[in-house]
Amino acid sequence: MNQAGLGAVVQAIVRRDLLLAFRRQADVMTTVFFFVIVASLFPLGVSPEPAVLRMIAPGVLWVAALLSCLLSLGRVFTADYHDGVLEQMVLIPHPLAVLVLAKVFAHWLVSGLPVVVLSFLLGVQFGLEGEALGVLVLSLLLGTPTLSLIGSIGAALTLGVRGSGMLVALLVLPLFIPVLIFGAGSVSSTVSGIGAEANLSLLGAALMLALPLAPWATASAVRIAVE
């Protein structure tokens, strides 16, 4: 197999998906605005007290990030499924799992990375500072790719199914819960002075486990969908 050819195909997939995302800026901005709005409304609805905001910040920001990822999963494969691009990906002589990983990476760049960047500003809004802010950003940097990888499995399994948005949520939310617990727990542990090493290590382990397994499972689901 021509490895240079594989690299060129991966780059082409990432570039194409990024260009399509920038042409559909409304879809991308919907995810980003959803994250910002959900996180920003909690101080208004709960309490403006700094101590309360610092206490709820890890859970609120992580739940908002999880829901924004869930909102964007429909864009990973649906357009390519209807356009016939997925069929071409299945037929070309390159590992489908690697091509799927390229699409998931492009999805994370436009949906997950903005959440990681904005989390710093929203963390300041909730009164987080110093080490807690750094741990929040690091936990999302480790956790959001895992959410995208896991979510891609559900997105592929529901291709061509009517009402797939709700079905994807039912499929992947139980798998998202451990990532949510470890991510929010790392920030909460830092705020309380315990230390975030254990939770961050578990987030890293989850990412290392999802990197090889999720693309393989997603590729299998894509093959079933296009047959």
C-alpha atoms as a PDB file:
ATOM      1  CA  MET A   1       0.000   0.000   0.000  1.00  0.00           C
ATOM      2  CA  ASN A   2       1.279   3.424  -0.887  1.00  0.00           C
ATOM      3  CA  GLN A   3       1.704   5.261   2.409  1.00  0.00           C
ATOM      4  CA  ALA A   4       2.324   8.606   0.665  1.00  0.00           C
ATOM      5  CA  GLY A   5      -0.939   8.098  -1.181  1.00  0.00           C
ATOM      6  CA  LEU A   6      -2.719   7.443   2.081  1.00  0.00           C
ATOM      7  CA  GLY A   7      -1.292  10.613   3.597  1.00  0.00           C
ATOM      8  CA  ALA A   8      -2.426  12.647   0.601  1.00  0.00           C
ATOM      9  CA  VAL A   9      -5.948  11.208   0.850  1.00  0.00           C
ATOM     10  CA  VAL A  10      -6.124  11.980   4.577  1.00  0.00           C
ATOM     11  CA  GLN A  11      -5.004  15.559   3.985  1.00  0.00           C
ATOM     12  CA  ALA A  12      -7.547  15.930   1.187  1.00  0.00           C
ATOM     13  CA  ILE A  13     -10.373  14.683   3.430  1.00  0.00           C
ATOM     14  CA  VAL A  14      -9.442  17.044   6.268  1.00  0.00           C
ATOM     15  CA  ARG A  15      -9.046  19.991   3.884  1.00  0.00           C
ATOM     16  CA  ARG A  16     -12.342  19.250   2.148  1.00  0.00           C
ATOM     17  CA  ASP A  17     -14.295  18.930   5.397  1.00  0.00           C
ATOM     18  CA  LEU A  18     -12.807  22.159   6.742  1.00  0.00           C
ATOM     19  CA  LEU A  19     -13.693  24.020   3.540  1.00  0.00           C
ATOM     20  CA  LEU A  20     -17.251  22.690   3.672  1.00  0.00           C
ATOM     21  CA  ALA A  21     -17.520  23.703   7.314  1.00  0.00           C
ATOM     22  CA  PHE A  22     -16.399  27.259   6.552  1.00  0.00           C
ATOM     23  CA  ARG A  23     -18.960  27.444   3.756  1.00  0.00           C
ATOM     24  CA  ARG A  24     -21.645  26.369   6.221  1.00  0.00           C
ATOM     25  CA  GLN A  25     -20.661  28.747   8.979  1.00  0.00           C
ATOM     26  CA  ALA A  26     -24.176  28.806  10.392  1.00  0.00           C
ATOM     27  CA  ASP A  27     -23.909  25.147  11.376  1.00  0.00           C
ATOM     28  CA  VAL A  28     -20.525  25.648  13.027  1.00  0.00           C
ATOM     29  CA  MET A  29     -21.575  28.796  14.844  1.00  0.00           C
ATOM     30  CA  THR A  30     -24.723  27.082  16.110  1.00  0.00           C
ATOM     31  CA  THR A  31     -22.584  24.619  18.056  1.00  0.00           C
ATOM     32  CA  VAL A  32     -20.307  27.333  19.417  1.00  0.00           C
ATOM     33  CA  PHE A  33     -23.164  29.657  20.384  1.00  0.00           C
ATOM     34  CA  PHE A  34     -24.995  26.768  22.030  1.00  0.00           C
ATOM     35  CA  PHE A  35     -21.985  26.110  24.252  1.00  0.00           C
ATOM     36  CA  VAL A  36     -21.605  29.773  25.159  1.00  0.00           C
ATOM     37  CA  ILE A  37     -25.315  30.374  25.785  1.00  0.00           C
ATOM     38  CA  VAL A  38     -25.831  27.271  27.934  1.00  0.00           C
ATOM     39  CA  ALA A  39     -22.777  28.049  30.048  1.00  0.00           C
ATOM     40  CA  SER A  40     -23.655  31.752  30.337  1.00  0.00           C
ATOM     41  CA  LEU A  41     -27.272  31.233  31.428  1.00  0.00           C
ATOM     42  CA  PHE A  42     -26.411  29.178  34.505  1.00  0.00           C
ATOM     43  CA  PRO A  43     -25.066  32.119  36.553  1.00  0.00           C
ATOM     44  CA  LEU A  44     -28.318  33.962  35.832  1.00  0.00           C
ATOM     45  CA  GLY A  45     -30.517  31.022  36.781  1.00  0.00           C
ATOM     46  CA  VAL A  46     -28.623  29.668  39.783  1.00  0.00           C
ATOM     47  CA  SER A  47     -26.748  32.331  41.703  1.00  0.00           C
ATOM     48  CA  PRO A  48     -24.264  35.127  41.038  1.00  0.00           C
ATOM     49  CA  GLU A  49     -22.315  34.288  44.206  1.00  0.00           C
ATOM     50  CA  PRO A  50     -18.648  33.595  43.321  1.00  0.00           C
ATOM     51  CA  ALA A  51     -18.404  30.626  45.685  1.00  0.00           C
ATOM     52  CA  VAL A  52     -21.471  28.981  44.126  1.00  0.00           C
ATOM     53  CA  LEU A  53     -20.256  29.629  40.596  1.00  0.00           C
ATOM     54  CA  ARG A  54     -16.843  28.103  41.302  1.00  0.00           C
ATOM     55  CA  MET A  55     -18.532  25.027  42.742  1.00  0.00           C
ATOM     56  CA  ILE A  56     -20.847  24.418  39.763  1.00  0.00           C
ATOM     57  CA  ALA A  57     -18.404  25.541  37.045  1.00  0.00           C
ATOM     58  CA  PRO A  58     -16.832  22.123  36.276  1.00  0.00           C
ATOM     59  CA  GLY A  59     -20.153  20.352  35.819  1.00  0.00           C
ATOM     60  CA  VAL A  60     -21.818  23.176  33.905  1.00  0.00           C
ATOM     61  CA  LEU A  61     -18.974  23.715  31.443  1.00  0.00           C
ATOM     62  CA  TRP A  62     -18.484  20.010  30.835  1.00  0.00           C
ATOM     63  CA  VAL A  63     -22.191  19.336  30.325  1.00  0.00           C
ATOM     64  CA  ALA A  64     -22.375  22.278  27.916  1.00  0.00           C
ATOM     65  CA  ALA A  65     -19.371  20.913  26.001  1.00  0.00           C
ATOM     66  CA  LEU A  66     -20.912  17.433  25.865  1.00  0.00           C
ATOM     67  CA  LEU A  67     -24.242  18.719  24.567  1.00  0.00           C
ATOM     68  CA  SER A  68     -22.587  20.929  21.950  1.00  0.00           C
ATOM     69  CA  CYS A  69     -20.638  17.897  20.708  1.00  0.00           C
ATOM     70  CA  LEU A  70     -23.848  15.893  20.578  1.00  0.00           C
ATOM     71  CA  LEU A  71     -25.517  18.686  18.614  1.00  0.00           C
ATOM     72  CA  SER A  72     -22.806  18.602  15.955  1.00  0.00           C
ATOM     73  CA  LEU A  73     -22.620  14.832  15.389  1.00  0.00           C
ATOM     74  CA  GLY A  74     -25.164  14.899  12.569  1.00  0.00           C
ATOM     75  CA  ARG A  75     -22.670  16.777  10.378  1.00  0.00           C
ATOM     76  CA  VAL A  76     -19.946  14.125  10.496  1.00  0.00           C
ATOM     77  CA  PHE A  77     -21.283  11.702   7.856  1.00  0.00           C
ATOM     78  CA  THR A  78     -24.809  12.680   6.810  1.00  0.00           C
ATOM     79  CA  ALA A  79     -23.951  14.980   3.872  1.00  0.00           C
ATOM     80  CA  ASP A  80     -21.320  12.563   2.537  1.00  0.00           C
ATOM     81  CA  TYR A  81     -23.772   9.690   2.867  1.00  0.00           C
ATOM     82  CA  HIS A  82     -26.360  11.429   0.696  1.00  0.00           C
ATOM     83  CA  ASP A  83     -23.750  12.675  -1.815  1.00  0.00           C
ATOM     84  CA  GLY A  84     -22.198   9.247  -2.322  1.00  0.00           C
ATOM     85  CA  VAL A  85     -18.811  10.285  -0.893  1.00  0.00           C
ATOM     86  CA  LEU A  86     -18.906   7.548   1.719  1.00  0.00           C
ATOM     87  CA  GLU A  87     -19.314   4.916  -0.997  1.00  0.00           C
ATOM     88  CA  GLN A  88     -16.165   6.204  -2.677  1.00  0.00           C
ATOM     89  CA  MET A  89     -14.314   6.100   0.637  1.00  0.00           C
ATOM     90  CA  VAL A  90     -15.317   2.465   1.087  1.00  0.00           C
ATOM     91  CA  LEU A  91     -14.173   1.535  -2.426  1.00  0.00           C
ATOM     92  CA  ILE A  92     -10.761   3.216  -2.546  1.00  0.00           C
ATOM     93  CA  PRO A  93      -7.771   0.990  -1.615  1.00  0.00           C
ATOM     94  CA  HIS A  94      -6.978   2.636   1.719  1.00  0.00           C
ATOM     95  CA  PRO A  95      -7.955   1.645   5.278  1.00  0.00           C
ATOM     96  CA  LEU A  96     -11.432   3.021   5.877  1.00  0.00           C
ATOM     97  CA  ALA A  97     -10.710   3.412   9.592  1.00  0.00           C
ATOM     98  CA  VAL A  98      -7.922   5.894   8.809  1.00  0.00           C
ATOM     99  CA  LEU A  99     -10.182   7.876   6.482  1.00  0.00           C
ATOM    100  CA  VAL A 100     -12.893   7.923   9.143  1.00  0.00           C
ATOM    101  CA  LEU A 101     -10.340   9.164  11.673  1.00  0.00           C
ATOM    102  CA  ALA A 102      -9.507  12.030   9.308  1.00  0.00           C
ATOM    103  CA  LYS A 103     -13.182  13.028   9.153  1.00  0.00           C
ATOM    104  CA  VAL A 104     -13.502  12.859  12.939  1.00  0.00           C
ATOM    105  CA  PHE A 105     -10.390  15.017  13.306  1.00  0.00           C
ATOM    106  CA  ALA A 106     -11.853  17.631  10.947  1.00  0.00           C
ATOM    107  CA  HIS A 107     -15.104  17.516  12.922  1.00  0.00           C
ATOM    108  CA  TRP A 108     -13.211  18.109  16.162  1.00  0.00           C
ATOM    109  CA  LEU A 109     -11.302  21.046  14.665  1.00  0.00           C
ATOM    110  CA  VAL A 110     -14.525  22.914  13.860  1.00  0.00           C
ATOM    111  CA  SER A 111     -16.654  21.738  16.810  1.00  0.00           C
ATOM    112  CA  GLY A 112     -14.395  20.693  19.665  1.00  0.00           C
ATOM    113  CA  LEU A 113     -11.417  23.043  19.406  1.00  0.00           C
ATOM    114  CA  PRO A 114     -13.535  26.251  19.619  1.00  0.00           C
ATOM    115  CA  VAL A 115     -15.125  24.843  22.779  1.00  0.00           C
ATOM    116  CA  VAL A 116     -11.678  24.262  24.289  1.00  0.00           C
ATOM    117  CA  VAL A 117     -10.601  27.817  23.462  1.00  0.00           C
ATOM    118  CA  LEU A 118     -13.796  29.449  24.721  1.00  0.00           C
ATOM    119  CA  SER A 119     -13.758  27.384  27.914  1.00  0.00           C
ATOM    120  CA  PHE A 120     -10.935  29.577  29.216  1.00  0.00           C
ATOM    121  CA  LEU A 121     -13.061  32.732  28.966  1.00  0.00           C
ATOM    122  CA  LEU A 122     -16.149  31.018  30.369  1.00  0.00           C
ATOM    123  CA  GLY A 123     -14.068  29.606  33.221  1.00  0.00           C
ATOM    124  CA  VAL A 124     -13.073  33.144  34.155  1.00  0.00           C
ATOM    125  CA  GLN A 125     -16.761  34.074  34.096  1.00  0.00           C
ATOM    126  CA  PHE A 126     -17.414  31.342  36.667  1.00  0.00           C
ATOM    127  CA  GLY A 127     -14.607  32.577  38.908  1.00  0.00           C
ATOM    128  CA  LEU A 128     -12.065  29.890  38.096  1.00  0.00           C
ATOM    129  CA  GLU A 129      -8.466  31.023  38.142  1.00  0.00           C
ATOM    130  CA  GLY A 130      -4.902  29.833  38.033  1.00  0.00           C
ATOM    131  CA  GLU A 131      -4.436  26.068  38.060  1.00  0.00           C
ATOM    132  CA  ALA A 132      -8.171  25.344  37.857  1.00  0.00           C
ATOM    133  CA  LEU A 133      -8.419  27.179  34.524  1.00  0.00           C
ATOM    134  CA  GLY A 134      -5.460  25.260  33.149  1.00  0.00           C
ATOM    135  CA  VAL A 135      -6.941  21.941  34.232  1.00  0.00           C
ATOM    136  CA  LEU A 136     -10.300  22.867  32.675  1.00  0.00           C
ATOM    137  CA  VAL A 137      -8.698  23.578  29.307  1.00  0.00           C
ATOM    138  CA  LEU A 138      -6.487  20.471  29.503  1.00  0.00           C
ATOM    139  CA  SER A 139      -9.396  18.226  30.473  1.00  0.00           C
ATOM    140  CA  LEU A 140     -11.456  19.481  27.522  1.00  0.00           C
ATOM    141  CA  LEU A 141      -8.442  19.112  25.231  1.00  0.00           C
ATOM    142  CA  LEU A 142      -8.258  15.446  26.237  1.00  0.00           C
ATOM    143  CA  GLY A 143     -11.994  14.822  26.536  1.00  0.00           C
ATOM    144  CA  THR A 144     -13.560  16.490  23.500  1.00  0.00           C
ATOM    145  CA  PRO A 145     -11.640  14.337  20.965  1.00  0.00           C
ATOM    146  CA  THR A 146     -12.853  11.278  22.861  1.00  0.00           C
ATOM    147  CA  LEU A 147     -16.424  12.559  22.639  1.00  0.00           C
ATOM    148  CA  SER A 148     -16.039  13.065  18.883  1.00  0.00           C
ATOM    149  CA  LEU A 149     -14.564   9.580  18.419  1.00  0.00           C
ATOM    150  CA  ILE A 150     -17.308   7.893  20.429  1.00  0.00           C
ATOM    151  CA  GLY A 151     -19.996  10.044  18.835  1.00  0.00           C
ATOM    152  CA  SER A 152     -18.831   9.102  15.356  1.00  0.00           C
ATOM    153  CA  ILE A 153     -19.823   5.497  16.075  1.00  0.00           C
ATOM    154  CA  GLY A 154     -23.388   6.528  16.844  1.00  0.00           C
ATOM    155  CA  ALA A 155     -23.472   8.878  13.854  1.00  0.00           C
ATOM    156  CA  ALA A 156     -22.401   6.050  11.535  1.00  0.00           C
ATOM    157  CA  LEU A 157     -24.819   3.537  13.030  1.00  0.00           C
ATOM    158  CA  THR A 158     -27.798   5.834  12.396  1.00  0.00           C
ATOM    159  CA  LEU A 159     -26.991   6.844   8.817  1.00  0.00           C
ATOM    160  CA  GLY A 160     -30.113   6.889   6.696  1.00  0.00           C
ATOM    161  CA  VAL A 161     -32.415   6.458   9.705  1.00  0.00           C
ATOM    162  CA  ARG A 162     -35.278   8.914  10.129  1.00  0.00           C
ATOM    163  CA  GLY A 163     -35.047  10.838  13.386  1.00  0.00           C
ATOM    164  CA  SER A 164     -31.406   9.850  13.750  1.00  0.00           C
ATOM    165  CA  GLY A 165     -30.596  12.801  16.040  1.00  0.00           C
ATOM    166  CA  MET A 166     -32.520  11.390  18.969  1.00  0.00           C
ATOM    167  CA  LEU A 167     -31.257   7.888  18.257  1.00  0.00           C
ATOM    168  CA  VAL A 168     -27.639   9.056  18.266  1.00  0.00           C
ATOM    169  CA  ALA A 169     -28.205  10.659  21.663  1.00  0.00           C
ATOM    170  CA  LEU A 170     -29.641   7.446  23.077  1.00  0.00           C
ATOM    171  CA  LEU A 171     -26.707   5.432  21.718  1.00  0.00           C
ATOM    172  CA  VAL A 172     -23.779   7.585  22.767  1.00  0.00           C
ATOM    173  CA  LEU A 173     -24.883   9.371  25.942  1.00  0.00           C
ATOM    174  CA  PRO A 174     -24.201   6.339  28.172  1.00  0.00           C
ATOM    175  CA  LEU A 175     -20.685   6.163  26.690  1.00  0.00           C
ATOM    176  CA  PHE A 176     -20.174   9.903  27.224  1.00  0.00           C
ATOM    177  CA  ILE A 177     -20.869   9.674  30.958  1.00  0.00           C
ATOM    178  CA  PRO A 178     -17.416   8.373  32.062  1.00  0.00           C
ATOM    179  CA  VAL A 179     -15.698  11.140  30.063  1.00  0.00           C
ATOM    180  CA  LEU A 180     -18.004  13.700  31.691  1.00  0.00           C
ATOM    181  CA  ILE A 181     -17.284  12.343  35.179  1.00  0.00           C
ATOM    182  CA  PHE A 182     -13.501  12.326  34.728  1.00  0.00           C
ATOM    183  CA  GLY A 183     -13.447  15.730  33.028  1.00  0.00           C
ATOM    184  CA  ALA A 184     -15.606  17.550  35.550  1.00  0.00           C
ATOM    185  CA  GLY A 185     -13.948  15.626  38.380  1.00  0.00           C
ATOM    186  CA  SER A 186     -10.488  16.835  37.377  1.00  0.00           C
ATOM    187  CA  VAL A 187     -11.543  20.483  37.656  1.00  0.00           C
ATOM    188  CA  SER A 188     -13.514  19.925  40.871  1.00  0.00           C
ATOM    189  CA  SER A 189     -10.531  18.170  42.441  1.00  0.00           C
ATOM    190  CA  THR A 190      -8.294  21.092  41.542  1.00  0.00           C
ATOM    191  CA  VAL A 191     -10.732  23.636  42.985  1.00  0.00           C
ATOM    192  CA  SER A 192     -10.926  21.657  46.237  1.00  0.00           C
ATOM    193  CA  GLY A 193      -7.136  21.281  46.405  1.00  0.00           C
ATOM    194  CA  ILE A 194      -7.011  17.498  45.949  1.00  0.00           C
ATOM    195  CA  GLY A 195      -5.203  17.413  42.593  1.00  0.00           C
ATOM    196  CA  ALA A 196      -6.356  16.426  39.122  1.00  0.00           C
ATOM    197  CA  GLU A 197      -3.697  13.862  38.154  1.00  0.00           C
ATOM    198  CA  ALA A 198      -5.892  10.778  38.551  1.00  0.00           C
ATOM    199  CA  ASN A 199      -8.815  12.133  36.536  1.00  0.00           C
ATOM    200  CA  LEU A 200      -6.577  13.543  33.813  1.00  0.00           C
ATOM    201  CA  SER A 201      -4.795  10.188  33.548  1.00  0.00           C
ATOM    202  CA  LEU A 202      -8.140   8.449  33.092  1.00  0.00           C
ATOM    203  CA  LEU A 203      -9.128  10.969  30.416  1.00  0.00           C
ATOM    204  CA  GLY A 204      -5.856  10.329  28.623  1.00  0.00           C
ATOM    205  CA  ALA A 205      -6.380   6.579  28.876  1.00  0.00           C
ATOM    206  CA  ALA A 206      -9.895   6.927  27.448  1.00  0.00           C
ATOM    207  CA  LEU A 207      -8.506   8.902  24.506  1.00  0.00           C
ATOM    208  CA  MET A 208      -5.766   6.339  23.861  1.00  0.00           C
ATOM    209  CA  LEU A 209      -8.372   3.584  23.935  1.00  0.00           C
ATOM    210  CA  ALA A 210     -10.793   5.421  21.659  1.00  0.00           C
ATOM    211  CA  LEU A 211      -8.183   6.361  19.038  1.00  0.00           C
ATOM    212  CA  PRO A 212      -7.686   2.822  17.673  1.00  0.00           C
ATOM    213  CA  LEU A 213     -11.072   1.292  18.541  1.00  0.00           C
ATOM    214  CA  ALA A 214     -13.605   3.993  17.627  1.00  0.00           C
ATOM    215  CA  PRO A 215     -12.468   4.474  13.978  1.00  0.00           C
ATOM    216  CA  TRP A 216     -12.534   0.709  13.455  1.00  0.00           C
ATOM    217  CA  ALA A 217     -16.076   0.439  14.847  1.00  0.00           C
ATOM    218  CA  THR A 218     -17.189   3.503  12.885  1.00  0.00           C
ATOM    219  CA  ALA A 219     -15.708   2.118   9.658  1.00  0.00           C
ATOM    220  CA  SER A 220     -17.641  -1.125  10.162  1.00  0.00           C
ATOM    221  CA  ALA A 221     -20.858   0.831  10.675  1.00  0.00           C
ATOM    222  CA  VAL A 222     -20.183   2.944   7.564  1.00  0.00           C
ATOM    223  CA  ARG A 223     -19.701  -0.197   5.453  1.00  0.00           C
ATOM    224  CA  ILE A 224     -23.027  -1.563   6.686  1.00  0.00           C
ATOM    225  CA  ALA A 225     -24.765   1.756   5.944  1.00  0.00           C
ATOM    226  CA  VAL A 226     -23.562   2.019   2.344  1.00  0.00           C
ATOM    227  CA  GLU A 227     -24.223  -1.608   1.387  1.00  0.00           C
END
